[in-house]
Each structure stands twice: as structure tokens, then as C-alpha cells.
Amino acid sequence: MTQFKAIIIDKVGVHARPSQMIIAEVSKYKSDGKIICRDKEGNLKSIMNVLSMQIKNNDEITVVFTGEDEQAAADGVKQVMINAGLIAG
């Protein structure tokens, strides 16, 4: 298991465009990924799961990957979130 924590800095929170970017990145890996926020868990391979969590500005998230390429998946998703302006680098 590989994980990282971050604070959402985007004023709108996690919305459709960055969610789609995250889903596209996660789909490159075999590992399973989930995002945890306010005691809710969402599957990072499902845009509807991610959007339904209604993650807002200043929310703390934990992103967790399990599987054979978990470190690469976590690193890739973290970089996408930084590039999208969701989290600080």
C-alpha cells in the first residue's frame, strides 16, 4: 500500500475537469486507487465516485493505491493533481 495526504487548494474543490485528468492517469496503472475525504471513500477509476464526494477547498484528502505498480500510480496521480492546481507541489 502506498498513500499520500494533501490539502485541496483549488477554490472550487475537486470538479469535473481535474477529476477527468485523475481518472485518465489512474487508468494507466494496474493498481487499485481510492480517495478518502471526510470519512468517505471513492474509487479513483470512477469519475462519478470522485465527483459525488463533493471534495471542497481546504479539505484534507488521502489517496491510497494497492497493487504491483502502486508507487508509480501514486506518483503519477500526485503530479496530475499538482499540475491541475488541486494540491500544492
C-alpha atoms as a PDB file:
ATOM      1  CA  MET A   1       0.000   0.000   0.000  1.00  0.00           C
ATOM      2  CA  THR A   2       1.244   3.461  -0.943  1.00  0.00           C
ATOM      3  CA  GLN A   3      -0.514   6.639   0.087  1.00  0.00           C
ATOM      4  CA  PHE A   4      -0.183  10.390   0.311  1.00  0.00           C
ATOM      5  CA  LYS A   5      -2.137  13.134   2.041  1.00  0.00           C
ATOM      6  CA  ALA A   6      -2.801  16.611   0.719  1.00  0.00           C
ATOM      7  CA  ILE A   7      -4.973  19.675   1.219  1.00  0.00           C
ATOM      8  CA  ILE A   8      -7.156  20.802  -1.690  1.00  0.00           C
ATOM      9  CA  ILE A   9      -6.150  24.342  -2.695  1.00  0.00           C
ATOM     10  CA  ASP A  10      -8.438  24.809  -5.716  1.00  0.00           C
ATOM     11  CA  LYS A  11     -11.130  27.328  -4.720  1.00  0.00           C
ATOM     12  CA  VAL A  12     -13.801  25.222  -6.453  1.00  0.00           C
ATOM     13  CA  GLY A  13     -12.556  21.947  -4.989  1.00  0.00           C
ATOM     14  CA  VAL A  14     -12.364  18.730  -6.991  1.00  0.00           C
ATOM     15  CA  HIS A  15     -14.556  19.398 -10.020  1.00  0.00           C
ATOM     16  CA  ALA A  16     -15.140  17.717 -13.389  1.00  0.00           C
ATOM     17  CA  ARG A  17     -12.061  18.740 -15.388  1.00  0.00           C
ATOM     18  CA  PRO A  18      -9.367  17.736 -12.867  1.00  0.00           C
ATOM     19  CA  SER A  19     -11.384  14.639 -11.960  1.00  0.00           C
ATOM     20  CA  GLN A  20     -11.248  13.519 -15.583  1.00  0.00           C
ATOM     21  CA  MET A  21      -7.481  14.115 -15.617  1.00  0.00           C
ATOM     22  CA  ILE A  22      -7.099  11.998 -12.470  1.00  0.00           C
ATOM     23  CA  ILE A  23      -9.232   9.169 -13.881  1.00  0.00           C
ATOM     24  CA  ALA A  24      -7.198   9.196 -17.113  1.00  0.00           C
ATOM     25  CA  GLU A  25      -3.950   8.924 -15.139  1.00  0.00           C
ATOM     26  CA  VAL A  26      -5.238   6.153 -12.849  1.00  0.00           C
ATOM     27  CA  SER A  27      -6.378   4.109 -15.855  1.00  0.00           C
ATOM     28  CA  LYS A  28      -2.718   3.768 -16.933  1.00  0.00           C
ATOM     29  CA  TYR A  29      -1.949   1.571 -13.915  1.00  0.00           C
ATOM     30  CA  LYS A  30      -2.959  -1.878 -12.715  1.00  0.00           C
ATOM     31  CA  SER A  31      -3.152  -0.854  -9.049  1.00  0.00           C
ATOM     32  CA  ASP A  32      -6.431  -0.023  -7.361  1.00  0.00           C
ATOM     33  CA  GLY A  33      -6.757   3.531  -6.129  1.00  0.00           C
ATOM     34  CA  LYS A  34      -9.098   5.251  -3.745  1.00  0.00           C
ATOM     35  CA  ILE A  35      -9.515   8.738  -2.381  1.00  0.00           C
ATOM     36  CA  ILE A  36     -10.617   9.322   1.202  1.00  0.00           C
ATOM     37  CA  CYS A  37     -12.110  12.570   2.485  1.00  0.00           C
ATOM     38  CA  ARG A  38     -14.345  13.284   5.493  1.00  0.00           C
ATOM     39  CA  ASP A  39     -14.799   9.554   6.219  1.00  0.00           C
ATOM     40  CA  LYS A  40     -15.959   8.877   2.644  1.00  0.00           C
ATOM     41  CA  GLU A  41     -14.106   6.692   0.150  1.00  0.00           C
ATOM     42  CA  GLY A  42     -14.235   6.941  -3.623  1.00  0.00           C
ATOM     43  CA  ASN A  43     -12.866   4.685  -6.345  1.00  0.00           C
ATOM     44  CA  LEU A  44     -10.313   6.658  -8.376  1.00  0.00           C
ATOM     45  CA  LYS A  45     -11.280   4.758 -11.524  1.00  0.00           C
ATOM     46  CA  SER A  46     -14.840   6.173 -11.362  1.00  0.00           C
ATOM     47  CA  ILE A  47     -15.435   9.841 -12.110  1.00  0.00           C
ATOM     48  CA  MET A  48     -18.919   9.598 -10.596  1.00  0.00           C
ATOM     49  CA  ASN A  49     -17.456   8.270  -7.325  1.00  0.00           C
ATOM     50  CA  VAL A  50     -14.944  11.109  -7.174  1.00  0.00           C
ATOM     51  CA  LEU A  51     -17.442  13.862  -8.036  1.00  0.00           C
ATOM     52  CA  SER A  52     -20.105  12.528  -5.660  1.00  0.00           C
ATOM     53  CA  MET A  53     -17.702  13.011  -2.743  1.00  0.00           C
ATOM     54  CA  GLN A  54     -18.034  16.805  -3.152  1.00  0.00           C
ATOM     55  CA  ILE A  55     -14.451  17.496  -2.094  1.00  0.00           C
ATOM     56  CA  LYS A  56     -14.071  21.196  -1.354  1.00  0.00           C
ATOM     57  CA  ASN A  57     -11.326  23.784  -0.915  1.00  0.00           C
ATOM     58  CA  ASN A  58      -9.260  23.164   2.249  1.00  0.00           C
ATOM     59  CA  ASP A  59     -10.455  19.553   2.596  1.00  0.00           C
ATOM     60  CA  GLU A  60      -7.748  17.060   3.529  1.00  0.00           C
ATOM     61  CA  ILE A  61      -7.606  14.036   1.249  1.00  0.00           C
ATOM     62  CA  THR A  62      -5.766  10.745   1.453  1.00  0.00           C
ATOM     63  CA  VAL A  63      -5.009   8.936  -1.797  1.00  0.00           C
ATOM     64  CA  VAL A  64      -4.249   5.220  -1.449  1.00  0.00           C
ATOM     65  CA  PHE A  65      -3.001   2.730  -4.037  1.00  0.00           C
ATOM     66  CA  THR A  66      -2.571  -1.021  -3.681  1.00  0.00           C
ATOM     67  CA  GLY A  67      -1.096  -3.282  -6.335  1.00  0.00           C
ATOM     68  CA  GLU A  68       2.002  -4.092  -8.304  1.00  0.00           C
ATOM     69  CA  ASP A  69       2.629  -0.543  -9.580  1.00  0.00           C
ATOM     70  CA  GLU A  70       1.254   1.363  -6.581  1.00  0.00           C
ATOM     71  CA  GLN A  71       4.229   3.716  -6.179  1.00  0.00           C
ATOM     72  CA  ALA A  72       4.180   4.752  -9.840  1.00  0.00           C
ATOM     73  CA  ALA A  73       0.404   5.243  -9.679  1.00  0.00           C
ATOM     74  CA  ALA A  74       0.627   7.396  -6.543  1.00  0.00           C
ATOM     75  CA  ASP A  75       3.440   9.483  -8.021  1.00  0.00           C
ATOM     76  CA  GLY A  76       1.568   9.939 -11.308  1.00  0.00           C
ATOM     77  CA  VAL A  77      -1.703  10.966  -9.682  1.00  0.00           C
ATOM     78  CA  LYS A  78       0.042  13.326  -7.281  1.00  0.00           C
ATOM     79  CA  GLN A  79       1.763  15.050 -10.205  1.00  0.00           C
ATOM     80  CA  VAL A  80      -1.541  15.356 -12.103  1.00  0.00           C
ATOM     81  CA  MET A  81      -3.165  16.916  -9.020  1.00  0.00           C
ATOM     82  CA  ILE A  82      -0.286  19.392  -8.695  1.00  0.00           C
ATOM     83  CA  ASN A  83      -0.410  20.267 -12.410  1.00  0.00           C
ATOM     84  CA  ALA A  84      -4.199  20.740 -12.226  1.00  0.00           C
ATOM     85  CA  GLY A  85      -3.836  23.123  -9.285  1.00  0.00           C
ATOM     86  CA  LEU A  86      -5.723  20.869  -6.872  1.00  0.00           C
ATOM     87  CA  ILE A  87      -2.856  20.474  -4.400  1.00  0.00           C
ATOM     88  CA  ALA A  88       0.409  22.261  -3.680  1.00  0.00           C
ATOM     89  CA  GLY A  89       3.648  20.841  -5.009  1.00  0.00           C
END
